[in-house]
């Protein structure tokens, strides 16, 4: 990605809003088409409908993470529910509601291309909750659960409470970019742990 143009593939009901920095390189109707277009175009961002089928969004995220890790994934959903959360677990960097509007969606795509995580409140809360639950249950010293830094935990806690990245940034005299980056560090830890656990499970079976 250069500083001027961000290439984007959209999939399912998701679309690429008009913005001078965004260039659509294709649209996919199904999950299989989304994977194929990403492998062909290698866009900076895949804007993925969390309810896409054939295969589902979780499978798409896993394949893109494994086969095209340079492409970041932003999940888009009409509901803030389990379907969109599973995309985060599987490899999406962020998740937003389709109702946020074209301007905010463009901002979210640009942030995702920079490696930031744009998260709805419930998504941030679930990440924090799940990482804490894994820490309590883990008994395998060879594969410990992810550990959050104090800053990552604070960011997720505030986002989970409904604060925006801009509000958190203002209270600490930093940028929203930095707040979203700390969220992305936590999301990346989530990805590594879930992906590694899946590989260990497959190896043991």
N, C-alpha and C. Protein backbone atom coordinates (compact mmCIF):
# COMPACT_ATOMS: atom_id res chain seq x y z
N UNK A 1 0.83 -1.21 0.00
CA UNK A 1 0.00 0.00 0.00
C UNK A 1 0.86 1.25 0.00
N UNK A 2 0.59 2.18 -0.92
CA UNK A 2 1.29 3.46 -0.86
C UNK A 2 0.46 4.46 -0.08
N UNK A 3 0.96 5.69 0.03
CA UNK A 3 0.28 6.68 0.87
C UNK A 3 -0.96 7.26 0.21
N UNK A 4 -1.15 7.00 -1.09
CA UNK A 4 -2.23 7.66 -1.81
C UNK A 4 -3.42 6.75 -2.09
N UNK A 5 -3.17 5.55 -2.55
CA UNK A 5 -4.25 4.69 -2.99
C UNK A 5 -4.30 3.39 -2.20
N UNK A 6 -5.48 3.03 -1.76
CA UNK A 6 -5.71 1.77 -1.05
C UNK A 6 -6.60 0.91 -1.93
N UNK A 7 -6.12 -0.26 -2.30
CA UNK A 7 -6.90 -1.15 -3.14
C UNK A 7 -7.82 -2.00 -2.27
N UNK A 8 -9.05 -2.19 -2.74
CA UNK A 8 -10.07 -2.85 -1.92
C UNK A 8 -10.88 -3.81 -2.77
N UNK A 9 -11.08 -5.02 -2.25
CA UNK A 9 -12.04 -5.97 -2.80
C UNK A 9 -13.20 -6.04 -1.82
N UNK A 10 -14.42 -6.02 -2.32
CA UNK A 10 -15.59 -6.15 -1.45
C UNK A 10 -16.27 -7.49 -1.73
N UNK A 11 -17.03 -7.97 -0.76
CA UNK A 11 -17.66 -9.28 -0.92
C UNK A 11 -19.02 -9.33 -0.25
N UNK A 12 -19.96 -10.04 -0.90
CA UNK A 12 -21.31 -10.15 -0.37
C UNK A 12 -22.04 -8.83 -0.49
N UNK A 13 -22.74 -8.45 0.57
CA UNK A 13 -23.49 -7.20 0.55
C UNK A 13 -22.62 -5.99 0.82
N UNK A 14 -21.35 -6.22 1.18
CA UNK A 14 -20.43 -5.11 1.45
C UNK A 14 -20.06 -4.40 0.16
N UNK A 15 -19.73 -3.12 0.27
CA UNK A 15 -19.34 -2.34 -0.90
C UNK A 15 -18.23 -1.38 -0.52
N UNK A 16 -17.62 -0.79 -1.52
CA UNK A 16 -16.54 0.18 -1.31
C UNK A 16 -17.11 1.59 -1.52
N UNK A 17 -17.13 2.42 -0.50
CA UNK A 17 -17.68 3.77 -0.68
C UNK A 17 -16.76 4.63 -1.54
N UNK A 18 -17.33 5.63 -2.17
CA UNK A 18 -16.55 6.56 -2.98
C UNK A 18 -15.63 7.37 -2.07
N UNK A 19 -14.34 7.35 -2.37
CA UNK A 19 -13.36 8.10 -1.59
C UNK A 19 -12.10 8.23 -2.46
N UNK A 20 -11.47 9.39 -2.44
CA UNK A 20 -10.30 9.59 -3.32
C UNK A 20 -9.13 8.64 -3.04
N UNK A 21 -9.06 8.07 -1.85
CA UNK A 21 -7.94 7.18 -1.53
C UNK A 21 -8.27 5.71 -1.76
N UNK A 22 -9.54 5.40 -2.04
CA UNK A 22 -9.94 4.00 -2.18
C UNK A 22 -10.16 3.64 -3.65
N UNK A 23 -9.63 2.48 -4.03
CA UNK A 23 -9.86 2.00 -5.41
C UNK A 23 -10.35 0.57 -5.36
N UNK A 24 -11.56 0.36 -5.81
CA UNK A 24 -12.13 -0.98 -5.85
C UNK A 24 -11.48 -1.79 -6.96
N UNK A 25 -11.03 -3.01 -6.62
CA UNK A 25 -10.43 -3.88 -7.63
C UNK A 25 -11.28 -5.12 -7.89
N UNK A 26 -12.53 -5.09 -7.40
CA UNK A 26 -13.41 -6.21 -7.69
C UNK A 26 -14.43 -6.45 -6.59
N UNK A 27 -15.49 -7.15 -6.97
CA UNK A 27 -16.54 -7.51 -6.01
C UNK A 27 -16.82 -9.00 -6.16
N UNK A 28 -17.00 -9.67 -5.02
CA UNK A 28 -17.28 -11.11 -5.00
C UNK A 28 -18.66 -11.36 -4.43
N UNK A 29 -19.39 -12.27 -5.04
CA UNK A 29 -20.74 -12.60 -4.58
C UNK A 29 -20.72 -13.70 -3.52
N UNK A 30 -19.73 -14.59 -3.59
CA UNK A 30 -19.65 -15.71 -2.66
C UNK A 30 -18.31 -15.71 -1.94
N UNK A 31 -18.23 -16.56 -0.91
CA UNK A 31 -16.97 -16.67 -0.18
C UNK A 31 -15.85 -17.19 -1.05
N UNK A 32 -16.16 -18.17 -1.91
CA UNK A 32 -15.14 -18.73 -2.80
C UNK A 32 -14.62 -17.67 -3.77
N UNK A 33 -15.53 -16.84 -4.29
CA UNK A 33 -15.12 -15.77 -5.19
C UNK A 33 -14.26 -14.75 -4.45
N UNK A 34 -14.59 -14.48 -3.18
CA UNK A 34 -13.82 -13.52 -2.39
C UNK A 34 -12.38 -13.99 -2.23
N UNK A 35 -12.20 -15.27 -1.90
CA UNK A 35 -10.85 -15.82 -1.76
C UNK A 35 -10.10 -15.74 -3.08
N UNK A 36 -10.77 -16.13 -4.17
CA UNK A 36 -10.13 -16.12 -5.48
C UNK A 36 -9.71 -14.71 -5.89
N UNK A 37 -10.57 -13.72 -5.64
CA UNK A 37 -10.24 -12.34 -6.02
C UNK A 37 -9.09 -11.80 -5.19
N UNK A 38 -9.07 -12.14 -3.91
CA UNK A 38 -7.96 -11.68 -3.07
C UNK A 38 -6.65 -12.29 -3.54
N UNK A 39 -6.65 -13.58 -3.86
CA UNK A 39 -5.43 -14.22 -4.32
C UNK A 39 -4.97 -13.67 -5.66
N UNK A 40 -5.92 -13.23 -6.48
CA UNK A 40 -5.58 -12.67 -7.79
C UNK A 40 -5.14 -11.21 -7.69
N UNK A 41 -5.91 -10.41 -6.95
CA UNK A 41 -5.69 -8.97 -6.90
C UNK A 41 -4.73 -8.55 -5.79
N UNK A 42 -4.64 -9.36 -4.72
CA UNK A 42 -3.86 -9.04 -3.51
C UNK A 42 -4.13 -7.59 -3.07
N UNK A 43 -5.38 -7.29 -2.74
CA UNK A 43 -5.72 -5.92 -2.34
C UNK A 43 -5.17 -5.60 -0.95
N UNK A 44 -5.16 -4.33 -0.61
CA UNK A 44 -4.77 -3.93 0.74
C UNK A 44 -5.82 -4.38 1.75
N UNK A 45 -7.10 -4.30 1.35
CA UNK A 45 -8.19 -4.62 2.28
C UNK A 45 -9.27 -5.42 1.56
N UNK A 46 -9.80 -6.43 2.26
CA UNK A 46 -11.02 -7.11 1.85
C UNK A 46 -12.13 -6.65 2.77
N UNK A 47 -13.16 -6.03 2.22
CA UNK A 47 -14.34 -5.64 3.00
C UNK A 47 -15.34 -6.78 2.86
N UNK A 48 -15.53 -7.51 3.95
CA UNK A 48 -16.23 -8.79 3.89
C UNK A 48 -17.56 -8.77 4.63
N UNK A 49 -18.61 -9.12 3.92
CA UNK A 49 -19.93 -9.31 4.52
C UNK A 49 -19.84 -10.49 5.49
N UNK A 50 -20.13 -10.25 6.77
CA UNK A 50 -20.02 -11.30 7.78
C UNK A 50 -21.01 -12.43 7.56
N UNK A 51 -22.00 -12.24 6.68
CA UNK A 51 -22.99 -13.28 6.42
C UNK A 51 -22.84 -13.88 5.02
N UNK A 52 -21.70 -13.72 4.43
CA UNK A 52 -21.46 -14.32 3.11
C UNK A 52 -21.50 -15.84 3.23
N UNK A 53 -21.82 -16.50 2.14
CA UNK A 53 -21.91 -17.96 2.15
C UNK A 53 -21.07 -18.56 1.03
N UNK A 54 -20.91 -19.86 1.11
CA UNK A 54 -20.21 -20.67 0.08
C UNK A 54 -18.76 -20.27 -0.16
N UNK A 55 -17.85 -20.39 0.81
CA UNK A 55 -18.09 -20.74 2.21
C UNK A 55 -18.42 -19.51 3.05
N UNK A 56 -18.59 -19.75 4.36
CA UNK A 56 -18.97 -18.64 5.23
C UNK A 56 -17.79 -17.72 5.52
N UNK A 57 -18.08 -16.60 6.17
CA UNK A 57 -17.06 -15.57 6.40
C UNK A 57 -15.91 -16.07 7.25
N UNK A 58 -16.20 -16.92 8.23
CA UNK A 58 -15.13 -17.46 9.08
C UNK A 58 -14.13 -18.24 8.24
N UNK A 59 -14.63 -19.08 7.32
CA UNK A 59 -13.74 -19.85 6.46
C UNK A 59 -12.95 -18.95 5.53
N UNK A 60 -13.59 -17.90 5.01
CA UNK A 60 -12.89 -16.95 4.15
C UNK A 60 -11.74 -16.30 4.92
N UNK A 61 -12.02 -15.86 6.14
CA UNK A 61 -10.98 -15.20 6.95
C UNK A 61 -9.80 -16.13 7.20
N UNK A 62 -10.09 -17.38 7.52
CA UNK A 62 -9.01 -18.33 7.77
C UNK A 62 -8.14 -18.53 6.54
N UNK A 63 -8.77 -18.64 5.38
CA UNK A 63 -8.01 -18.88 4.15
C UNK A 63 -7.19 -17.66 3.76
N UNK A 64 -7.78 -16.47 3.91
CA UNK A 64 -7.04 -15.26 3.57
C UNK A 64 -5.87 -15.08 4.53
N UNK A 65 -6.08 -15.34 5.79
CA UNK A 65 -4.99 -15.22 6.77
C UNK A 65 -3.84 -16.15 6.43
N UNK A 66 -4.15 -17.35 5.96
CA UNK A 66 -3.12 -18.33 5.66
C UNK A 66 -2.48 -18.10 4.28
N UNK A 67 -3.30 -17.75 3.30
CA UNK A 67 -2.81 -17.69 1.92
C UNK A 67 -2.45 -16.30 1.45
N UNK A 68 -3.02 -15.27 2.05
CA UNK A 68 -2.74 -13.90 1.61
C UNK A 68 -2.67 -12.97 2.82
N UNK A 69 -1.70 -13.19 3.70
CA UNK A 69 -1.65 -12.43 4.96
C UNK A 69 -1.42 -10.93 4.79
N UNK A 70 -0.96 -10.49 3.61
CA UNK A 70 -0.76 -9.06 3.39
C UNK A 70 -2.07 -8.30 3.27
N UNK A 71 -3.15 -9.02 2.97
CA UNK A 71 -4.47 -8.38 2.85
C UNK A 71 -5.15 -8.35 4.21
N UNK A 72 -5.51 -7.16 4.64
CA UNK A 72 -6.25 -7.01 5.90
C UNK A 72 -7.74 -7.19 5.62
N UNK A 73 -8.46 -7.67 6.61
CA UNK A 73 -9.90 -7.93 6.45
C UNK A 73 -10.71 -7.05 7.40
N UNK A 74 -11.68 -6.35 6.84
CA UNK A 74 -12.65 -5.59 7.63
C UNK A 74 -14.00 -6.25 7.45
N UNK A 75 -14.57 -6.79 8.51
CA UNK A 75 -15.88 -7.42 8.44
C UNK A 75 -16.97 -6.37 8.59
N UNK A 76 -18.02 -6.54 7.82
CA UNK A 76 -19.17 -5.62 7.87
C UNK A 76 -20.42 -6.45 8.11
N UNK A 77 -21.26 -6.00 9.04
CA UNK A 77 -22.47 -6.76 9.37
C UNK A 77 -23.61 -5.82 9.70
N UNK A 78 -24.83 -6.28 9.44
CA UNK A 78 -25.99 -5.49 9.81
C UNK A 78 -26.33 -5.65 11.29
N UNK A 79 -25.77 -6.69 11.92
CA UNK A 79 -26.01 -6.94 13.34
C UNK A 79 -24.70 -7.11 14.09
N UNK A 80 -24.68 -6.65 15.32
CA UNK A 80 -23.50 -6.78 16.19
C UNK A 80 -23.63 -8.10 16.95
N UNK A 81 -23.40 -9.23 16.26
CA UNK A 81 -23.73 -10.52 16.87
C UNK A 81 -22.59 -11.52 16.73
N UNK A 82 -22.89 -12.79 17.03
CA UNK A 82 -21.88 -13.83 17.04
C UNK A 82 -21.26 -14.04 15.66
N UNK A 83 -22.04 -13.88 14.61
CA UNK A 83 -21.52 -14.11 13.26
C UNK A 83 -20.35 -13.20 12.96
N UNK A 84 -20.45 -11.94 13.32
CA UNK A 84 -19.36 -11.01 13.04
C UNK A 84 -18.20 -11.25 13.99
N UNK A 85 -18.48 -11.68 15.23
CA UNK A 85 -17.38 -11.95 16.16
C UNK A 85 -16.52 -13.12 15.68
N UNK A 86 -17.15 -14.12 15.06
CA UNK A 86 -16.38 -15.26 14.58
C UNK A 86 -15.40 -14.85 13.48
N UNK A 87 -15.71 -13.78 12.74
CA UNK A 87 -14.75 -13.32 11.73
C UNK A 87 -13.51 -12.74 12.39
N UNK A 88 -13.69 -12.07 13.53
CA UNK A 88 -12.53 -11.54 14.26
C UNK A 88 -11.66 -12.68 14.77
N UNK A 89 -12.29 -13.70 15.31
CA UNK A 89 -11.53 -14.85 15.80
C UNK A 89 -10.75 -15.49 14.65
N UNK A 90 -11.37 -15.56 13.48
CA UNK A 90 -10.77 -16.28 12.36
C UNK A 90 -9.72 -15.48 11.60
N UNK A 91 -9.66 -14.16 11.80
CA UNK A 91 -8.62 -13.42 11.11
C UNK A 91 -8.94 -12.01 10.67
N UNK A 92 -10.18 -11.56 10.81
CA UNK A 92 -10.49 -10.17 10.46
C UNK A 92 -9.80 -9.22 11.43
N UNK A 93 -9.34 -8.08 10.92
CA UNK A 93 -8.66 -7.12 11.78
C UNK A 93 -9.65 -6.21 12.50
N UNK A 94 -10.81 -5.97 11.89
CA UNK A 94 -11.80 -5.11 12.51
C UNK A 94 -13.19 -5.50 12.07
N UNK A 95 -14.19 -4.90 12.72
CA UNK A 95 -15.59 -5.22 12.40
C UNK A 95 -16.44 -3.98 12.66
N UNK A 96 -17.27 -3.64 11.68
CA UNK A 96 -18.14 -2.48 11.81
C UNK A 96 -19.55 -2.85 11.36
N UNK A 97 -20.50 -2.02 11.76
CA UNK A 97 -21.88 -2.20 11.33
C UNK A 97 -22.09 -1.54 9.97
N UNK A 98 -22.91 -2.15 9.14
CA UNK A 98 -23.17 -1.59 7.82
C UNK A 98 -23.92 -0.26 7.89
N UNK A 99 -24.50 0.04 9.03
CA UNK A 99 -25.27 1.28 9.19
C UNK A 99 -24.40 2.49 9.50
N UNK A 100 -23.08 2.33 9.56
CA UNK A 100 -22.23 3.47 9.97
C UNK A 100 -22.17 4.56 8.91
N UNK A 101 -22.53 4.24 7.68
CA UNK A 101 -22.52 5.26 6.63
C UNK A 101 -21.24 5.25 5.83
N UNK A 102 -21.28 5.78 4.60
CA UNK A 102 -20.14 5.69 3.69
C UNK A 102 -18.89 6.41 4.17
N UNK A 103 -19.05 7.58 4.79
CA UNK A 103 -17.87 8.33 5.25
C UNK A 103 -17.13 7.56 6.33
N UNK A 104 -17.86 7.07 7.32
CA UNK A 104 -17.23 6.32 8.40
C UNK A 104 -16.69 4.98 7.92
N UNK A 105 -17.37 4.37 6.95
CA UNK A 105 -16.87 3.12 6.40
C UNK A 105 -15.55 3.35 5.67
N UNK A 106 -15.46 4.43 4.92
CA UNK A 106 -14.20 4.76 4.24
C UNK A 106 -13.08 4.96 5.25
N UNK A 107 -13.37 5.66 6.33
CA UNK A 107 -12.37 5.86 7.39
C UNK A 107 -11.94 4.53 7.99
N UNK A 108 -12.90 3.62 8.18
CA UNK A 108 -12.59 2.32 8.76
C UNK A 108 -11.72 1.49 7.82
N UNK A 109 -11.99 1.57 6.52
CA UNK A 109 -11.17 0.85 5.53
C UNK A 109 -9.74 1.39 5.52
N UNK A 110 -9.61 2.70 5.55
CA UNK A 110 -8.28 3.32 5.56
C UNK A 110 -7.53 2.93 6.83
N UNK A 111 -8.21 2.94 7.96
CA UNK A 111 -7.58 2.54 9.22
C UNK A 111 -7.16 1.07 9.16
N UNK A 112 -8.01 0.22 8.60
CA UNK A 112 -7.68 -1.21 8.49
C UNK A 112 -6.46 -1.42 7.62
N UNK A 113 -6.35 -0.66 6.54
CA UNK A 113 -5.18 -0.77 5.66
C UNK A 113 -3.90 -0.40 6.38
N UNK A 114 -4.01 0.47 7.39
CA UNK A 114 -2.83 0.88 8.17
C UNK A 114 -2.53 -0.10 9.30
N UNK A 115 -3.30 -1.18 9.38
CA UNK A 115 -3.07 -2.16 10.43
C UNK A 115 -3.77 -1.86 11.73
N UNK A 116 -4.74 -0.96 11.69
CA UNK A 116 -5.51 -0.63 12.90
C UNK A 116 -6.74 -1.53 13.01
N UNK A 117 -7.25 -1.67 14.23
CA UNK A 117 -8.49 -2.39 14.46
C UNK A 117 -9.60 -1.42 14.82
N UNK A 118 -10.64 -1.40 14.01
CA UNK A 118 -11.83 -0.60 14.30
C UNK A 118 -12.87 -1.57 14.82
N UNK A 119 -13.28 -1.40 16.08
CA UNK A 119 -14.12 -2.38 16.75
C UNK A 119 -15.38 -1.75 17.33
N UNK A 120 -16.50 -2.46 17.20
CA UNK A 120 -17.71 -2.08 17.92
C UNK A 120 -17.54 -2.46 19.39
N UNK A 121 -18.36 -1.84 20.25
CA UNK A 121 -18.20 -2.04 21.69
C UNK A 121 -18.27 -3.50 22.10
N UNK A 122 -19.25 -4.23 21.60
CA UNK A 122 -19.40 -5.62 22.02
C UNK A 122 -18.24 -6.49 21.56
N UNK A 123 -17.67 -6.15 20.40
CA UNK A 123 -16.53 -6.92 19.92
C UNK A 123 -15.32 -6.74 20.83
N UNK A 124 -15.06 -5.50 21.23
CA UNK A 124 -13.94 -5.22 22.14
C UNK A 124 -14.16 -5.92 23.47
N UNK A 125 -15.39 -5.88 23.98
CA UNK A 125 -15.70 -6.53 25.25
C UNK A 125 -15.49 -8.04 25.15
N UNK A 126 -15.93 -8.64 24.06
CA UNK A 126 -15.78 -10.09 23.90
C UNK A 126 -14.32 -10.51 23.82
N UNK A 127 -13.50 -9.74 23.11
CA UNK A 127 -12.09 -10.06 23.02
C UNK A 127 -11.46 -10.05 24.41
N UNK A 128 -11.72 -8.99 25.17
CA UNK A 128 -11.18 -8.88 26.52
C UNK A 128 -11.68 -10.03 27.39
N UNK A 129 -12.97 -10.32 27.31
CA UNK A 129 -13.56 -11.39 28.11
C UNK A 129 -12.97 -12.74 27.76
N UNK A 130 -12.86 -13.03 26.48
CA UNK A 130 -12.37 -14.35 26.06
C UNK A 130 -10.92 -14.56 26.42
N UNK A 131 -10.09 -13.54 26.24
CA UNK A 131 -8.67 -13.68 26.60
C UNK A 131 -8.53 -13.93 28.10
N UNK A 132 -9.34 -13.24 28.90
CA UNK A 132 -9.30 -13.47 30.34
C UNK A 132 -9.78 -14.87 30.70
N UNK A 133 -10.81 -15.34 30.01
CA UNK A 133 -11.30 -16.69 30.27
C UNK A 133 -10.27 -17.75 29.91
N UNK A 134 -9.59 -17.57 28.79
CA UNK A 134 -8.55 -18.52 28.39
C UNK A 134 -7.42 -18.55 29.43
N UNK A 135 -7.08 -17.38 29.96
CA UNK A 135 -6.01 -17.32 30.95
C UNK A 135 -6.38 -18.11 32.20
N UNK A 136 -7.65 -18.10 32.58
CA UNK A 136 -8.10 -18.82 33.77
C UNK A 136 -8.15 -20.32 33.54
N UNK A 137 -8.50 -20.74 32.32
CA UNK A 137 -8.69 -22.16 32.04
C UNK A 137 -7.40 -22.87 31.61
N UNK A 138 -6.44 -22.11 31.10
CA UNK A 138 -5.28 -22.75 30.49
C UNK A 138 -4.46 -23.53 31.51
N UNK A 139 -4.13 -24.76 31.15
CA UNK A 139 -3.28 -25.58 32.00
C UNK A 139 -2.10 -26.12 31.21
N UNK A 140 -1.90 -25.63 30.00
CA UNK A 140 -0.84 -26.11 29.13
C UNK A 140 0.32 -25.13 29.15
N UNK A 141 1.41 -25.43 29.87
CA UNK A 141 2.53 -24.49 29.94
C UNK A 141 3.26 -24.34 28.61
N UNK A 142 3.06 -25.30 27.67
CA UNK A 142 3.72 -25.23 26.37
C UNK A 142 2.98 -24.33 25.39
N UNK A 143 1.72 -24.03 25.70
CA UNK A 143 0.95 -23.16 24.82
C UNK A 143 0.09 -22.22 25.66
N UNK A 144 0.74 -21.25 26.32
CA UNK A 144 -0.01 -20.35 27.21
C UNK A 144 -0.91 -19.42 26.41
N UNK A 145 -1.96 -18.92 27.03
CA UNK A 145 -2.87 -17.99 26.35
C UNK A 145 -2.22 -16.63 26.18
N UNK A 146 -2.77 -15.79 25.30
CA UNK A 146 -2.18 -14.46 25.09
C UNK A 146 -2.28 -13.60 26.34
N UNK A 147 -1.31 -12.73 26.51
CA UNK A 147 -1.29 -11.80 27.64
C UNK A 147 -1.38 -10.38 27.11
N UNK A 148 -2.31 -9.62 27.60
CA UNK A 148 -2.49 -8.24 27.17
C UNK A 148 -1.61 -7.31 27.98
N UNK A 149 -1.10 -6.27 27.32
CA UNK A 149 -0.40 -5.22 28.06
C UNK A 149 -1.44 -4.37 28.78
N UNK A 150 -0.97 -3.57 29.71
CA UNK A 150 -1.89 -2.69 30.45
C UNK A 150 -2.60 -1.73 29.49
N UNK A 151 -1.88 -1.24 28.48
CA UNK A 151 -2.49 -0.31 27.52
C UNK A 151 -3.53 -1.00 26.66
N UNK A 152 -3.21 -2.21 26.18
CA UNK A 152 -4.17 -2.96 25.37
C UNK A 152 -5.44 -3.24 26.17
N UNK A 153 -5.26 -3.62 27.42
CA UNK A 153 -6.41 -3.91 28.28
C UNK A 153 -7.25 -2.65 28.51
N UNK A 154 -6.59 -1.54 28.73
CA UNK A 154 -7.31 -0.28 28.95
C UNK A 154 -8.11 0.12 27.71
N UNK A 155 -7.46 0.00 26.54
CA UNK A 155 -8.14 0.36 25.30
C UNK A 155 -9.37 -0.51 25.07
N UNK A 156 -9.21 -1.83 25.21
CA UNK A 156 -10.35 -2.73 25.01
C UNK A 156 -11.46 -2.46 26.02
N UNK A 157 -11.07 -2.17 27.25
CA UNK A 157 -12.06 -1.89 28.29
C UNK A 157 -12.87 -0.65 27.97
N UNK A 158 -12.19 0.41 27.53
CA UNK A 158 -12.90 1.65 27.19
C UNK A 158 -13.76 1.48 25.94
N UNK A 159 -13.21 0.79 24.92
CA UNK A 159 -14.00 0.53 23.73
C UNK A 159 -15.22 -0.32 24.07
N UNK A 160 -15.01 -1.33 24.91
CA UNK A 160 -16.11 -2.20 25.33
C UNK A 160 -17.17 -1.47 26.12
N UNK A 161 -16.78 -0.39 26.77
CA UNK A 161 -17.74 0.42 27.52
C UNK A 161 -18.47 1.43 26.66
N UNK A 162 -18.13 1.46 25.36
CA UNK A 162 -18.85 2.34 24.44
C UNK A 162 -18.12 3.60 24.03
N UNK A 163 -16.90 3.81 24.54
CA UNK A 163 -16.14 4.99 24.16
C UNK A 163 -15.57 4.82 22.75
N UNK A 164 -15.46 5.91 22.02
CA UNK A 164 -14.88 5.85 20.68
C UNK A 164 -13.36 5.97 20.79
N UNK A 165 -12.67 5.57 19.74
CA UNK A 165 -11.21 5.71 19.72
C UNK A 165 -10.82 7.17 19.86
N UNK A 166 -11.59 8.07 19.25
CA UNK A 166 -11.29 9.50 19.33
C UNK A 166 -11.42 10.01 20.76
N UNK A 167 -12.44 9.54 21.47
CA UNK A 167 -12.64 9.95 22.86
C UNK A 167 -11.52 9.45 23.76
N UNK A 168 -11.14 8.21 23.57
CA UNK A 168 -10.04 7.63 24.35
C UNK A 168 -8.75 8.39 24.06
N UNK A 169 -8.53 8.68 22.79
CA UNK A 169 -7.32 9.40 22.39
C UNK A 169 -7.26 10.78 23.03
N UNK A 170 -8.37 11.49 23.03
CA UNK A 170 -8.41 12.84 23.59
C UNK A 170 -8.11 12.84 25.08
N UNK A 171 -8.58 11.82 25.79
CA UNK A 171 -8.36 11.77 27.24
C UNK A 171 -6.91 11.47 27.60
N UNK A 172 -6.15 10.96 26.63
CA UNK A 172 -4.74 10.63 26.90
C UNK A 172 -3.78 11.48 26.06
N UNK A 173 -4.32 12.45 25.34
CA UNK A 173 -3.50 13.34 24.50
C UNK A 173 -2.68 12.56 23.49
N UNK A 174 -3.32 11.57 22.87
CA UNK A 174 -2.69 10.81 21.79
C UNK A 174 -3.64 10.82 20.60
N UNK A 175 -3.30 10.09 19.55
CA UNK A 175 -4.14 10.05 18.36
C UNK A 175 -5.05 8.82 18.37
N UNK A 176 -6.17 8.92 17.65
CA UNK A 176 -7.04 7.75 17.50
C UNK A 176 -6.32 6.63 16.78
N UNK A 177 -5.40 7.00 15.89
CA UNK A 177 -4.57 6.00 15.19
C UNK A 177 -3.83 5.13 16.20
N UNK A 178 -3.25 5.73 17.22
CA UNK A 178 -2.51 4.97 18.23
C UNK A 178 -3.45 4.09 19.04
N UNK A 179 -4.61 4.61 19.37
CA UNK A 179 -5.60 3.80 20.12
C UNK A 179 -5.99 2.57 19.31
N UNK A 180 -6.29 2.77 18.04
CA UNK A 180 -6.67 1.65 17.17
C UNK A 180 -5.53 0.66 16.97
N UNK A 181 -4.29 1.16 16.97
CA UNK A 181 -3.14 0.26 16.86
C UNK A 181 -3.04 -0.65 18.08
N UNK A 182 -3.26 -0.10 19.26
CA UNK A 182 -3.22 -0.94 20.46
C UNK A 182 -4.34 -1.98 20.43
N UNK A 183 -5.49 -1.60 19.90
CA UNK A 183 -6.57 -2.59 19.73
C UNK A 183 -6.13 -3.68 18.75
N UNK A 184 -5.41 -3.28 17.70
CA UNK A 184 -4.96 -4.27 16.71
C UNK A 184 -3.92 -5.21 17.30
N UNK A 185 -3.10 -4.73 18.23
CA UNK A 185 -2.13 -5.63 18.86
C UNK A 185 -2.87 -6.73 19.62
N UNK A 186 -3.95 -6.36 20.30
CA UNK A 186 -4.74 -7.35 21.04
C UNK A 186 -5.42 -8.32 20.07
N UNK A 187 -5.97 -7.80 18.97
CA UNK A 187 -6.62 -8.66 17.99
C UNK A 187 -5.61 -9.62 17.36
N UNK A 188 -4.41 -9.14 17.08
CA UNK A 188 -3.38 -10.01 16.50
C UNK A 188 -2.99 -11.13 17.46
N UNK A 189 -2.95 -10.83 18.74
CA UNK A 189 -2.67 -11.87 19.74
C UNK A 189 -3.79 -12.91 19.75
N UNK A 190 -5.02 -12.43 19.61
CA UNK A 190 -6.17 -13.34 19.52
C UNK A 190 -6.01 -14.25 18.31
N UNK A 191 -5.66 -13.69 17.17
CA UNK A 191 -5.48 -14.48 15.95
C UNK A 191 -4.42 -15.56 16.14
N UNK A 192 -3.27 -15.15 16.66
CA UNK A 192 -2.17 -16.10 16.80
C UNK A 192 -2.53 -17.25 17.73
N UNK A 193 -3.21 -16.93 18.82
CA UNK A 193 -3.57 -17.97 19.78
C UNK A 193 -4.60 -18.94 19.19
N UNK A 194 -5.65 -18.42 18.59
CA UNK A 194 -6.70 -19.27 18.03
C UNK A 194 -6.15 -20.10 16.87
N UNK A 195 -5.35 -19.46 16.00
CA UNK A 195 -4.78 -20.17 14.86
C UNK A 195 -3.83 -21.27 15.34
N UNK A 196 -3.01 -20.96 16.33
CA UNK A 196 -2.08 -21.95 16.86
C UNK A 196 -2.80 -23.09 17.55
N UNK A 197 -3.85 -22.77 18.28
CA UNK A 197 -4.62 -23.82 18.97
C UNK A 197 -5.27 -24.76 17.96
N UNK A 198 -5.76 -24.19 16.85
CA UNK A 198 -6.37 -25.02 15.82
C UNK A 198 -5.35 -25.97 15.19
N UNK A 199 -4.12 -25.46 14.97
CA UNK A 199 -3.09 -26.30 14.41
C UNK A 199 -2.67 -27.41 15.37
N UNK A 200 -2.57 -27.08 16.66
CA UNK A 200 -2.23 -28.09 17.65
C UNK A 200 -3.29 -29.17 17.72
N UNK A 201 -4.57 -28.74 17.65
CA UNK A 201 -5.67 -29.70 17.70
C UNK A 201 -5.64 -30.63 16.49
N UNK A 202 -5.36 -30.04 15.32
CA UNK A 202 -5.29 -30.86 14.10
C UNK A 202 -4.12 -31.82 14.15
N UNK A 203 -3.00 -31.39 14.72
CA UNK A 203 -1.82 -32.22 14.83
C UNK A 203 -2.06 -33.39 15.78
N UNK A 204 -2.82 -33.11 16.85
CA UNK A 204 -3.08 -34.16 17.84
C UNK A 204 -4.11 -35.16 17.41
N UNK A 205 -4.96 -34.77 16.44
CA UNK A 205 -6.01 -35.66 15.99
C UNK A 205 -5.51 -36.54 14.90
